[in-house]
């Protein structure tokens, strides 16, 4: 049984269709990345799975429980972290978590013990007695994540949990998410950061305009673009054209220059890469960078939709 499932979800707001028959699911102990720009329908899907919205059509379940008919029971099984930290800034970090514990019917002593453990796990023990309003953005995000775990949920919905965080703080949140999954928790992670989905998700569903337009692992989605790309950066920029001619001859197509002092060319497989290495060595061309890579998720998204996430957000 999947940890959560959504089948044919439809949600409309007047003339706007936020969800147009999407399907989402994940087995226990995995991360499903839901990737798409703002307005794609990610948050609407999370709100339905978390019992905060009713779908206009379709069905959704968590651990086999229908999110509409068994909403109260579902809420006992899930944790939810929204796009913005929803902590009470007038309470201390410890008081925030104890409050959540008491609302979940934990005894006072148990709520305090659970709060202390989570604060330690999330690196907030020293700030436990400080008002949350004095926390940095990263600390508030960690406290918000800790709050979603007070009830020991089986499934956690993380709706763009790293929005607004700098790269270092984002990496901290990623490590927390990995630890959760290591403990057997199932995660639905919505994001508009393509590298985030690539780094964390076991499977990725790409949503655009309320529809799932692709689903698979990151590697499978990258195959949508097709092939691999060789990148060469000669140590001597004066030999760039010579390097470009070599890789173009092997690949059988013109090389491109996406940046200064670097050339790339699509290739059909590993054999071409080996031949390029051999010919560069024979020509005495030293390199500071030489790689064979699959397309990025940015390239996949552009191939699938005809635009990138930034273009869609601006529109």
C-alpha atoms as a PDB file:
ATOM      1  CA  UNK A   1       0.000   0.000   0.000  1.00  0.00           C
ATOM      2  CA  UNK A   2       1.268   3.438  -0.894  1.00  0.00           C
ATOM      3  CA  UNK A   3       1.824   5.889   1.956  1.00  0.00           C
ATOM      4  CA  UNK A   4      -0.402   8.361   0.122  1.00  0.00           C
ATOM      5  CA  UNK A   5      -2.307   8.419  -3.153  1.00  0.00           C
ATOM      6  CA  UNK A   6      -4.172  10.978  -5.212  1.00  0.00           C
ATOM      7  CA  UNK A   7      -6.205   9.894  -8.213  1.00  0.00           C
ATOM      8  CA  UNK A   8      -7.822  12.239 -10.701  1.00  0.00           C
ATOM      9  CA  UNK A   9      -7.818  15.244  -8.365  1.00  0.00           C
ATOM     10  CA  UNK A  10      -9.690  18.261  -9.706  1.00  0.00           C
ATOM     11  CA  UNK A  11     -10.014  21.614  -7.961  1.00  0.00           C
ATOM     12  CA  UNK A  12     -11.535  24.737  -9.442  1.00  0.00           C
ATOM     13  CA  UNK A  13     -11.756  28.309  -8.200  1.00  0.00           C
ATOM     14  CA  UNK A  14     -14.414  29.920 -10.331  1.00  0.00           C
ATOM     15  CA  UNK A  15     -13.182  29.898 -13.910  1.00  0.00           C
ATOM     16  CA  UNK A  16      -9.671  28.864 -12.834  1.00  0.00           C
ATOM     17  CA  UNK A  17      -8.798  25.169 -12.755  1.00  0.00           C
ATOM     18  CA  UNK A  18      -6.045  24.735 -10.176  1.00  0.00           C
ATOM     19  CA  UNK A  19      -5.885  20.947 -10.539  1.00  0.00           C
ATOM     20  CA  UNK A  20      -6.950  19.151 -13.683  1.00  0.00           C
ATOM     21  CA  UNK A  21      -7.045  15.447 -12.846  1.00  0.00           C
ATOM     22  CA  UNK A  22      -3.625  14.856 -11.282  1.00  0.00           C
ATOM     23  CA  UNK A  23      -2.336  11.542  -9.932  1.00  0.00           C
ATOM     24  CA  UNK A  24       0.306  11.384  -7.187  1.00  0.00           C
ATOM     25  CA  UNK A  25       1.552   8.529  -4.999  1.00  0.00           C
ATOM     26  CA  UNK A  26       4.569   7.329  -3.052  1.00  0.00           C
ATOM     27  CA  UNK A  27       5.478   4.074  -1.276  1.00  0.00           C
ATOM     28  CA  UNK A  28       6.464   4.217   2.396  1.00  0.00           C
ATOM     29  CA  UNK A  29       9.882   5.588   3.295  1.00  0.00           C
ATOM     30  CA  UNK A  30      10.435   7.512   0.058  1.00  0.00           C
ATOM     31  CA  UNK A  31      10.412  11.104  -1.162  1.00  0.00           C
ATOM     32  CA  UNK A  32       8.120  12.197  -3.973  1.00  0.00           C
ATOM     33  CA  UNK A  33       9.241  15.494  -5.430  1.00  0.00           C
ATOM     34  CA  UNK A  34       6.453  17.571  -6.971  1.00  0.00           C
ATOM     35  CA  UNK A  35       8.144  20.003  -9.281  1.00  0.00           C
ATOM     36  CA  UNK A  36       6.677  23.056 -10.941  1.00  0.00           C
ATOM     37  CA  UNK A  37       6.577  26.856 -10.963  1.00  0.00           C
ATOM     38  CA  UNK A  38       4.399  29.014  -8.732  1.00  0.00           C
ATOM     39  CA  UNK A  39       0.762  28.613  -9.709  1.00  0.00           C
ATOM     40  CA  UNK A  40       1.235  25.113 -11.128  1.00  0.00           C
ATOM     41  CA  UNK A  41      -1.072  23.541  -8.505  1.00  0.00           C
ATOM     42  CA  UNK A  42       1.465  22.099  -6.064  1.00  0.00           C
ATOM     43  CA  UNK A  43       0.112  23.788  -2.940  1.00  0.00           C
ATOM     44  CA  UNK A  44      -3.487  22.953  -3.853  1.00  0.00           C
ATOM     45  CA  UNK A  45      -2.579  19.268  -4.117  1.00  0.00           C
ATOM     46  CA  UNK A  46      -0.854  19.370  -0.713  1.00  0.00           C
ATOM     47  CA  UNK A  47      -3.812  21.094   0.920  1.00  0.00           C
ATOM     48  CA  UNK A  48      -6.160  18.392  -0.355  1.00  0.00           C
ATOM     49  CA  UNK A  49      -3.909  15.566   0.858  1.00  0.00           C
ATOM     50  CA  UNK A  50      -3.567  17.332   4.225  1.00  0.00           C
ATOM     51  CA  UNK A  51      -7.400  17.544   4.588  1.00  0.00           C
ATOM     52  CA  UNK A  52      -7.434  21.355   4.330  1.00  0.00           C
ATOM     53  CA  UNK A  53      -9.348  21.412   1.032  1.00  0.00           C
ATOM     54  CA  UNK A  54     -11.991  19.188  -0.517  1.00  0.00           C
ATOM     55  CA  UNK A  55     -11.435  18.145  -4.128  1.00  0.00           C
ATOM     56  CA  UNK A  56     -14.153  18.850  -6.679  1.00  0.00           C
ATOM     57  CA  UNK A  57     -13.475  15.458  -8.244  1.00  0.00           C
ATOM     58  CA  UNK A  58     -11.161  12.513  -7.713  1.00  0.00           C
ATOM     59  CA  UNK A  59     -10.005  10.941  -4.487  1.00  0.00           C
ATOM     60  CA  UNK A  60      -7.026  11.027  -2.151  1.00  0.00           C
ATOM     61  CA  UNK A  61      -5.904   8.820   0.721  1.00  0.00           C
ATOM     62  CA  UNK A  62      -3.176   8.554   3.343  1.00  0.00           C
ATOM     63  CA  UNK A  63      -2.297   5.066   4.626  1.00  0.00           C
ATOM     64  CA  UNK A  64      -5.469   3.833   2.976  1.00  0.00           C
ATOM     65  CA  UNK A  65      -7.706   6.395   4.723  1.00  0.00           C
ATOM     66  CA  UNK A  66      -9.791   8.691   2.541  1.00  0.00           C
ATOM     67  CA  UNK A  67      -8.831  12.299   3.269  1.00  0.00           C
ATOM     68  CA  UNK A  68     -12.455  13.473   3.076  1.00  0.00           C
ATOM     69  CA  UNK A  69     -14.332  10.684   4.850  1.00  0.00           C
ATOM     70  CA  UNK A  70     -11.627  10.034   7.473  1.00  0.00           C
ATOM     71  CA  UNK A  71     -10.104  13.494   7.799  1.00  0.00           C
ATOM     72  CA  UNK A  72      -9.678  13.383  11.590  1.00  0.00           C
ATOM     73  CA  UNK A  73      -7.850  10.041  11.454  1.00  0.00           C
ATOM     74  CA  UNK A  74      -5.649  11.238   8.585  1.00  0.00           C
ATOM     75  CA  UNK A  75      -4.573  14.278  10.602  1.00  0.00           C
ATOM     76  CA  UNK A  76      -3.174  11.934  13.247  1.00  0.00           C
ATOM     77  CA  UNK A  77      -0.876  10.388  10.653  1.00  0.00           C
ATOM     78  CA  UNK A  78       0.542  13.446   8.918  1.00  0.00           C
ATOM     79  CA  UNK A  79       2.732  16.472   9.445  1.00  0.00           C
ATOM     80  CA  UNK A  80       2.568  19.621   7.346  1.00  0.00           C
ATOM     81  CA  UNK A  81       5.069  22.414   6.780  1.00  0.00           C
ATOM     82  CA  UNK A  82       3.941  25.249   4.540  1.00  0.00           C
ATOM     83  CA  UNK A  83       5.897  27.695   2.426  1.00  0.00           C
ATOM     84  CA  UNK A  84       6.326  30.064   5.358  1.00  0.00           C
ATOM     85  CA  UNK A  85       7.213  29.181   8.943  1.00  0.00           C
ATOM     86  CA  UNK A  86       4.042  29.281  11.030  1.00  0.00           C
ATOM     87  CA  UNK A  87       5.554  29.455  14.505  1.00  0.00           C
ATOM     88  CA  UNK A  88       4.218  31.718  17.257  1.00  0.00           C
ATOM     89  CA  UNK A  89       6.864  34.422  17.542  1.00  0.00           C
ATOM     90  CA  UNK A  90       5.743  35.432  21.034  1.00  0.00           C
ATOM     91  CA  UNK A  91       6.484  31.958  22.419  1.00  0.00           C
ATOM     92  CA  UNK A  92       9.894  30.413  22.950  1.00  0.00           C
ATOM     93  CA  UNK A  93      11.054  27.562  20.752  1.00  0.00           C
ATOM     94  CA  UNK A  94      10.283  25.078  23.520  1.00  0.00           C
ATOM     95  CA  UNK A  95       6.852  26.588  24.213  1.00  0.00           C
ATOM     96  CA  UNK A  96       5.943  26.312  20.527  1.00  0.00           C
ATOM     97  CA  UNK A  97       6.640  22.592  20.470  1.00  0.00           C
ATOM     98  CA  UNK A  98       5.026  21.909  23.843  1.00  0.00           C
ATOM     99  CA  UNK A  99       1.897  23.699  22.651  1.00  0.00           C
ATOM    100  CA  UNK A 100       1.715  21.449  19.593  1.00  0.00           C
ATOM    101  CA  UNK A 101       2.226  18.409  21.802  1.00  0.00           C
ATOM    102  CA  UNK A 102      -0.591  19.399  24.131  1.00  0.00           C
ATOM    103  CA  UNK A 103      -2.896  20.013  21.156  1.00  0.00           C
ATOM    104  CA  UNK A 104      -2.075  16.453  20.085  1.00  0.00           C
ATOM    105  CA  UNK A 105      -3.172  15.193  23.528  1.00  0.00           C
ATOM    106  CA  UNK A 106       0.299  14.466  24.901  1.00  0.00           C
ATOM    107  CA  UNK A 107       0.613  14.705  28.671  1.00  0.00           C
ATOM    108  CA  UNK A 108       2.548  17.725  29.897  1.00  0.00           C
ATOM    109  CA  UNK A 109       5.681  15.778  30.792  1.00  0.00           C
ATOM    110  CA  UNK A 110       5.594  13.857  27.509  1.00  0.00           C
ATOM    111  CA  UNK A 111       5.116  17.058  25.498  1.00  0.00           C
ATOM    112  CA  UNK A 112       8.129  18.648  27.202  1.00  0.00           C
ATOM    113  CA  UNK A 113      10.279  15.575  26.649  1.00  0.00           C
ATOM    114  CA  UNK A 114       9.297  15.408  22.988  1.00  0.00           C
ATOM    115  CA  UNK A 115      10.003  19.118  22.549  1.00  0.00           C
ATOM    116  CA  UNK A 116      13.439  18.811  24.165  1.00  0.00           C
ATOM    117  CA  UNK A 117      14.388  15.891  21.931  1.00  0.00           C
ATOM    118  CA  UNK A 118      13.291  17.644  18.742  1.00  0.00           C
ATOM    119  CA  UNK A 119      15.034  20.872  19.685  1.00  0.00           C
ATOM    120  CA  UNK A 120      18.243  18.912  20.187  1.00  0.00           C
ATOM    121  CA  UNK A 121      17.848  17.024  16.901  1.00  0.00           C
ATOM    122  CA  UNK A 122      17.281  20.246  14.976  1.00  0.00           C
ATOM    123  CA  UNK A 123      20.189  22.087  16.574  1.00  0.00           C
ATOM    124  CA  UNK A 124      17.961  24.461  18.553  1.00  0.00           C
ATOM    125  CA  UNK A 125      18.610  23.321  22.124  1.00  0.00           C
ATOM    126  CA  UNK A 126      20.635  26.411  23.016  1.00  0.00           C
ATOM    127  CA  UNK A 127      17.850  28.657  21.690  1.00  0.00           C
ATOM    128  CA  UNK A 128      15.036  26.673  23.330  1.00  0.00           C
ATOM    129  CA  UNK A 129      14.165  29.427  25.832  1.00  0.00           C
ATOM    130  CA  UNK A 130      14.449  32.326  23.385  1.00  0.00           C
ATOM    131  CA  UNK A 131      11.369  33.837  21.777  1.00  0.00           C
ATOM    132  CA  UNK A 132      10.890  32.473  18.259  1.00  0.00           C
ATOM    133  CA  UNK A 133      10.607  36.065  17.064  1.00  0.00           C
ATOM    134  CA  UNK A 134      14.339  36.462  17.699  1.00  0.00           C
ATOM    135  CA  UNK A 135      15.228  33.435  15.541  1.00  0.00           C
ATOM    136  CA  UNK A 136      16.857  33.770  12.125  1.00  0.00           C
ATOM    137  CA  UNK A 137      14.933  32.636   9.076  1.00  0.00           C
ATOM    138  CA  UNK A 138      16.753  29.327   9.012  1.00  0.00           C
ATOM    139  CA  UNK A 139      16.117  28.703  12.700  1.00  0.00           C
ATOM    140  CA  UNK A 140      12.411  29.435  12.314  1.00  0.00           C
ATOM    141  CA  UNK A 141      12.239  27.033   9.380  1.00  0.00           C
ATOM    142  CA  UNK A 142      13.900  24.303  11.482  1.00  0.00           C
ATOM    143  CA  UNK A 143      11.487  25.006  14.351  1.00  0.00           C
ATOM    144  CA  UNK A 144       8.575  24.778  11.926  1.00  0.00           C
ATOM    145  CA  UNK A 145       9.835  21.415  10.673  1.00  0.00           C
ATOM    146  CA  UNK A 146      10.277  20.215  14.250  1.00  0.00           C
ATOM    147  CA  UNK A 147       6.679  21.228  15.011  1.00  0.00           C
ATOM    148  CA  UNK A 148       5.437  19.039  12.164  1.00  0.00           C
ATOM    149  CA  UNK A 149       7.166  16.047  13.785  1.00  0.00           C
ATOM    150  CA  UNK A 150       5.837  16.362  17.317  1.00  0.00           C
ATOM    151  CA  UNK A 151       3.105  13.813  16.616  1.00  0.00           C
ATOM    152  CA  UNK A 152       5.560  11.310  15.029  1.00  0.00           C
ATOM    153  CA  UNK A 153       3.777  11.374  11.652  1.00  0.00           C
ATOM    154  CA  UNK A 154       4.037   8.609   9.072  1.00  0.00           C
ATOM    155  CA  UNK A 155       3.746  11.084   6.191  1.00  0.00           C
ATOM    156  CA  UNK A 156       5.032  14.655   5.991  1.00  0.00           C
ATOM    157  CA  UNK A 157       3.951  17.197   3.407  1.00  0.00           C
ATOM    158  CA  UNK A 158       6.647  19.819   2.838  1.00  0.00           C
ATOM    159  CA  UNK A 159       5.384  22.659   0.671  1.00  0.00           C
ATOM    160  CA  UNK A 160       8.447  24.500  -0.660  1.00  0.00           C
ATOM    161  CA  UNK A 161      10.222  24.209   2.716  1.00  0.00           C
ATOM    162  CA  UNK A 162      13.401  26.000   1.615  1.00  0.00           C
ATOM    163  CA  UNK A 163      11.820  29.056   0.002  1.00  0.00           C
ATOM    164  CA  UNK A 164      13.793  32.161   0.956  1.00  0.00           C
ATOM    165  CA  UNK A 165      16.704  30.289   2.553  1.00  0.00           C
ATOM    166  CA  UNK A 166      20.298  30.843   1.518  1.00  0.00           C
ATOM    167  CA  UNK A 167      22.203  27.834   0.052  1.00  0.00           C
ATOM    168  CA  UNK A 168      23.810  26.832   3.364  1.00  0.00           C
ATOM    169  CA  UNK A 169      20.494  26.853   5.249  1.00  0.00           C
ATOM    170  CA  UNK A 170      18.855  24.992   2.374  1.00  0.00           C
ATOM    171  CA  UNK A 171      21.469  22.254   2.693  1.00  0.00           C
ATOM    172  CA  UNK A 172      20.663  22.016   6.436  1.00  0.00           C
ATOM    173  CA  UNK A 173      16.995  21.420   5.615  1.00  0.00           C
ATOM    174  CA  UNK A 174      17.934  18.835   2.998  1.00  0.00           C
ATOM    175  CA  UNK A 175      19.918  16.896   5.581  1.00  0.00           C
ATOM    176  CA  UNK A 176      16.955  16.988   7.974  1.00  0.00           C
ATOM    177  CA  UNK A 177      14.673  15.615   5.258  1.00  0.00           C
ATOM    178  CA  UNK A 178      17.145  12.808   4.509  1.00  0.00           C
ATOM    179  CA  UNK A 179      17.219  11.872   8.199  1.00  0.00           C
ATOM    180  CA  UNK A 180      13.420  11.731   8.319  1.00  0.00           C
ATOM    181  CA  UNK A 181      13.272   9.336   5.404  1.00  0.00           C
ATOM    182  CA  UNK A 182      16.023   7.277   7.000  1.00  0.00           C
ATOM    183  CA  UNK A 183      13.675   6.855   9.974  1.00  0.00           C
ATOM    184  CA  UNK A 184      10.941   5.496   7.689  1.00  0.00           C
ATOM    185  CA  UNK A 185       8.907   8.668   7.150  1.00  0.00           C
ATOM    186  CA  UNK A 186       7.356   9.272   3.724  1.00  0.00           C
ATOM    187  CA  UNK A 187       7.748  12.781   2.322  1.00  0.00           C
ATOM    188  CA  UNK A 188       5.905  14.726  -0.338  1.00  0.00           C
ATOM    189  CA  UNK A 189       8.175  17.630  -1.222  1.00  0.00           C
ATOM    190  CA  UNK A 190       6.945  20.424  -3.457  1.00  0.00           C
ATOM    191  CA  UNK A 191       9.596  22.685  -4.890  1.00  0.00           C
ATOM    192  CA  UNK A 192      10.398  25.055  -7.701  1.00  0.00           C
ATOM    193  CA  UNK A 193      14.122  24.477  -7.193  1.00  0.00           C
ATOM    194  CA  UNK A 194      15.063  21.884  -9.767  1.00  0.00           C
ATOM    195  CA  UNK A 195      18.329  21.041  -8.019  1.00  0.00           C
ATOM    196  CA  UNK A 196      16.358  20.328  -4.821  1.00  0.00           C
ATOM    197  CA  UNK A 197      14.227  17.680  -6.519  1.00  0.00           C
ATOM    198  CA  UNK A 198      17.353  16.244  -8.133  1.00  0.00           C
ATOM    199  CA  UNK A 199      19.157  16.028  -4.780  1.00  0.00           C
ATOM    200  CA  UNK A 200      16.352  14.570  -2.658  1.00  0.00           C
ATOM    201  CA  UNK A 201      13.553  12.857  -4.536  1.00  0.00           C
ATOM    202  CA  UNK A 202      13.260   9.124  -5.226  1.00  0.00           C
ATOM    203  CA  UNK A 203      10.677   9.992  -7.872  1.00  0.00           C
ATOM    204  CA  UNK A 204       9.536  13.278  -9.390  1.00  0.00           C
ATOM    205  CA  UNK A 205       6.170  14.390 -10.729  1.00  0.00           C
ATOM    206  CA  UNK A 206       6.327  17.484 -12.917  1.00  0.00           C
ATOM    207  CA  UNK A 207       3.195  19.668 -12.721  1.00  0.00           C
ATOM    208  CA  UNK A 208       2.343  22.462 -15.112  1.00  0.00           C
ATOM    209  CA  UNK A 209      -0.995  24.294 -15.274  1.00  0.00           C
ATOM    210  CA  UNK A 210      -2.658  21.801 -12.915  1.00  0.00           C
ATOM    211  CA  UNK A 211      -1.611  18.657 -14.783  1.00  0.00           C
ATOM    212  CA  UNK A 212       1.099  16.064 -14.234  1.00  0.00           C
ATOM    213  CA  UNK A 213       3.059  16.244 -17.464  1.00  0.00           C
ATOM    214  CA  UNK A 214       5.810  13.759 -16.534  1.00  0.00           C
ATOM    215  CA  UNK A 215       6.713  11.303 -13.786  1.00  0.00           C
ATOM    216  CA  UNK A 216       9.805   9.231 -13.073  1.00  0.00           C
ATOM    217  CA  UNK A 217      13.160   9.236 -11.370  1.00  0.00           C
ATOM    218  CA  UNK A 218      15.492  12.144 -12.037  1.00  0.00           C
ATOM    219  CA  UNK A 219      17.559   9.930 -14.343  1.00  0.00           C
ATOM    220  CA  UNK A 220      14.455   8.793 -16.252  1.00  0.00           C
ATOM    221  CA  UNK A 221      13.229  12.342 -16.707  1.00  0.00           C
ATOM    222  CA  UNK A 222      16.625  13.443 -17.958  1.00  0.00           C
ATOM    223  CA  UNK A 223      16.349  10.836 -20.692  1.00  0.00           C
ATOM    224  CA  UNK A 224      13.408  12.851 -22.032  1.00  0.00           C
ATOM    225  CA  UNK A 225      15.915  15.324 -23.455  1.00  0.00           C
ATOM    226  CA  UNK A 226      17.959  12.427 -24.783  1.00  0.00           C
ATOM    227  CA  UNK A 227      21.618  11.568 -24.850  1.00  0.00           C
ATOM    228  CA  UNK A 228      24.549  12.890 -22.899  1.00  0.00           C
ATOM    229  CA  UNK A 229      26.744  15.947 -23.244  1.00  0.00           C
ATOM    230  CA  UNK A 230      30.531  16.203 -23.199  1.00  0.00           C
ATOM    231  CA  UNK A 231      31.980  19.423 -21.755  1.00  0.00           C
ATOM    232  CA  UNK A 232      35.604  20.419 -22.341  1.00  0.00           C
ATOM    233  CA  UNK A 233      37.486  23.394 -20.893  1.00  0.00           C
ATOM    234  CA  UNK A 234      41.069  23.564 -22.229  1.00  0.00           C
ATOM    235  CA  UNK A 235      43.769  24.735 -19.839  1.00  0.00           C
ATOM    236  CA  UNK A 236      44.987  27.015 -22.623  1.00  0.00           C
ATOM    237  CA  UNK A 237      42.057  29.130 -23.921  1.00  0.00           C
ATOM    238  CA  UNK A 238      43.966  29.652 -27.181  1.00  0.00           C
ATOM    239  CA  UNK A 239      43.361  25.960 -27.991  1.00  0.00           C
ATOM    240  CA  UNK A 240      39.576  26.198 -27.579  1.00  0.00           C
ATOM    241  CA  UNK A 241      38.870  26.047 -31.324  1.00  0.00           C
ATOM    242  CA  UNK A 242      41.164  23.047 -31.727  1.00  0.00           C
ATOM    243  CA  UNK A 243      39.378  21.239 -28.872  1.00  0.00           C
ATOM    244  CA  UNK A 244      36.003  22.138 -30.407  1.00  0.00           C
ATOM    245  CA  UNK A 245      37.078  20.633 -33.741  1.00  0.00           C
ATOM    246  CA  UNK A 246      38.135  17.386 -32.049  1.00  0.00           C
ATOM    247  CA  UNK A 247      34.918  16.855 -30.099  1.00  0.00           C
ATOM    248  CA  UNK A 248      32.821  17.847 -33.133  1.00  0.00           C
ATOM    249  CA  UNK A 249      34.627  15.302 -35.300  1.00  0.00           C
ATOM    250  CA  UNK A 250      33.966  12.519 -32.777  1.00  0.00           C
ATOM    251  CA  UNK A 251      30.342  13.457 -32.176  1.00  0.00           C
ATOM    252  CA  UNK A 252      29.568  14.109 -35.828  1.00  0.00           C
ATOM    253  CA  UNK A 253      27.915  17.433 -35.071  1.00  0.00           C
ATOM    254  CA  UNK A 254      29.058  21.006 -34.371  1.00  0.00           C
ATOM    255  CA  UNK A 255      30.265  21.876 -30.896  1.00  0.00           C
ATOM    256  CA  UNK A 256      28.674  24.737 -28.963  1.00  0.00           C
ATOM    257  CA  UNK A 257      30.177  27.294 -26.618  1.00  0.00           C
ATOM    258  CA  UNK A 258      27.756  27.963 -23.732  1.00  0.00           C
ATOM    259  CA  UNK A 259      30.332  30.032 -21.849  1.00  0.00           C
ATOM    260  CA  UNK A 260      33.804  31.498 -22.079  1.00  0.00           C
ATOM    261  CA  UNK A 261      36.636  29.020 -22.612  1.00  0.00           C
ATOM    262  CA  UNK A 262      34.338  25.985 -22.697  1.00  0.00           C
ATOM    263  CA  UNK A 263      32.772  23.884 -25.466  1.00  0.00           C
ATOM    264  CA  UNK A 264      30.096  21.194 -25.362  1.00  0.00           C
ATOM    265  CA  UNK A 265      28.645  18.650 -27.744  1.00  0.00           C
ATOM    266  CA  UNK A 266      25.871  16.039 -27.423  1.00  0.00           C
ATOM    267  CA  UNK A 267      27.101  12.452 -27.802  1.00  0.00           C
ATOM    268  CA  UNK A 268      25.446   9.101 -28.189  1.00  0.00           C
ATOM    269  CA  UNK A 269      27.180   7.294 -25.347  1.00  0.00           C
ATOM    270  CA  UNK A 270      30.267   6.557 -23.278  1.00  0.00           C
ATOM    271  CA  UNK A 271      32.322   5.366 -26.245  1.00  0.00           C
ATOM    272  CA  UNK A 272      32.359   8.857 -27.751  1.00  0.00           C
ATOM    273  CA  UNK A 273      33.621  10.296 -24.476  1.00  0.00           C
ATOM    274  CA  UNK A 274      36.477   7.794 -24.373  1.00  0.00           C
ATOM    275  CA  UNK A 275      37.449   8.650 -27.931  1.00  0.00           C
ATOM    276  CA  UNK A 276      37.370  12.388 -27.167  1.00  0.00           C
ATOM    277  CA  UNK A 277      39.706  11.848 -24.206  1.00  0.00           C
ATOM    278  CA  UNK A 278      42.079   9.823 -26.401  1.00  0.00           C
ATOM    279  CA  UNK A 279      42.172  12.457 -29.158  1.00  0.00           C
ATOM    280  CA  UNK A 280      42.646  15.377 -26.776  1.00  0.00           C
ATOM    281  CA  UNK A 281      45.562  13.538 -25.194  1.00  0.00           C
ATOM    282  CA  UNK A 282      47.071  12.730 -28.581  1.00  0.00           C
ATOM    283  CA  UNK A 283      46.839  16.408 -29.540  1.00  0.00           C
ATOM    284  CA  UNK A 284      48.517  17.426 -26.295  1.00  0.00           C
ATOM    285  CA  UNK A 285      45.544  19.516 -25.172  1.00  0.00           C
ATOM    286  CA  UNK A 286      45.449  19.751 -21.376  1.00  0.00           C
ATOM    287  CA  UNK A 287      42.065  20.440 -19.778  1.00  0.00           C
ATOM    288  CA  UNK A 288      40.907  21.955 -16.501  1.00  0.00           C
ATOM    289  CA  UNK A 289      37.429  20.485 -16.903  1.00  0.00           C
ATOM    290  CA  UNK A 290      36.230  17.428 -18.785  1.00  0.00           C
ATOM    291  CA  UNK A 291      32.878  15.817 -18.073  1.00  0.00           C
ATOM    292  CA  UNK A 292      30.122  13.591 -19.442  1.00  0.00           C
ATOM    293  CA  UNK A 293      26.706  14.397 -18.048  1.00  0.00           C
ATOM    294  CA  UNK A 294      23.021  13.793 -18.497  1.00  0.00           C
ATOM    295  CA  UNK A 295      20.813  16.835 -19.137  1.00  0.00           C
ATOM    296  CA  UNK A 296      19.822  18.891 -16.097  1.00  0.00           C
ATOM    297  CA  UNK A 297      16.285  18.990 -14.729  1.00  0.00           C
ATOM    298  CA  UNK A 298      16.153  22.602 -15.952  1.00  0.00           C
ATOM    299  CA  UNK A 299      16.631  21.300 -19.480  1.00  0.00           C
ATOM    300  CA  UNK A 300      14.013  18.605 -18.898  1.00  0.00           C
ATOM    301  CA  UNK A 301      11.483  21.138 -17.651  1.00  0.00           C
ATOM    302  CA  UNK A 302      12.121  23.382 -20.646  1.00  0.00           C
ATOM    303  CA  UNK A 303      11.733  20.434 -23.026  1.00  0.00           C
ATOM    304  CA  UNK A 304       8.453  19.386 -21.426  1.00  0.00           C
ATOM    305  CA  UNK A 305       6.864  22.819 -21.118  1.00  0.00           C
ATOM    306  CA  UNK A 306       8.598  25.105 -23.580  1.00  0.00           C
ATOM    307  CA  UNK A 307       9.591  27.478 -20.771  1.00  0.00           C
ATOM    308  CA  UNK A 308      11.687  27.443 -17.630  1.00  0.00           C
ATOM    309  CA  UNK A 309      10.404  28.019 -14.098  1.00  0.00           C
ATOM    310  CA  UNK A 310      11.567  31.628 -14.008  1.00  0.00           C
ATOM    311  CA  UNK A 311       9.735  32.487 -17.238  1.00  0.00           C
ATOM    312  CA  UNK A 312       6.548  30.916 -15.911  1.00  0.00           C
ATOM    313  CA  UNK A 313       6.738  32.807 -12.620  1.00  0.00           C
ATOM    314  CA  UNK A 314       7.224  36.107 -14.446  1.00  0.00           C
ATOM    315  CA  UNK A 315       4.191  35.350 -16.631  1.00  0.00           C
END
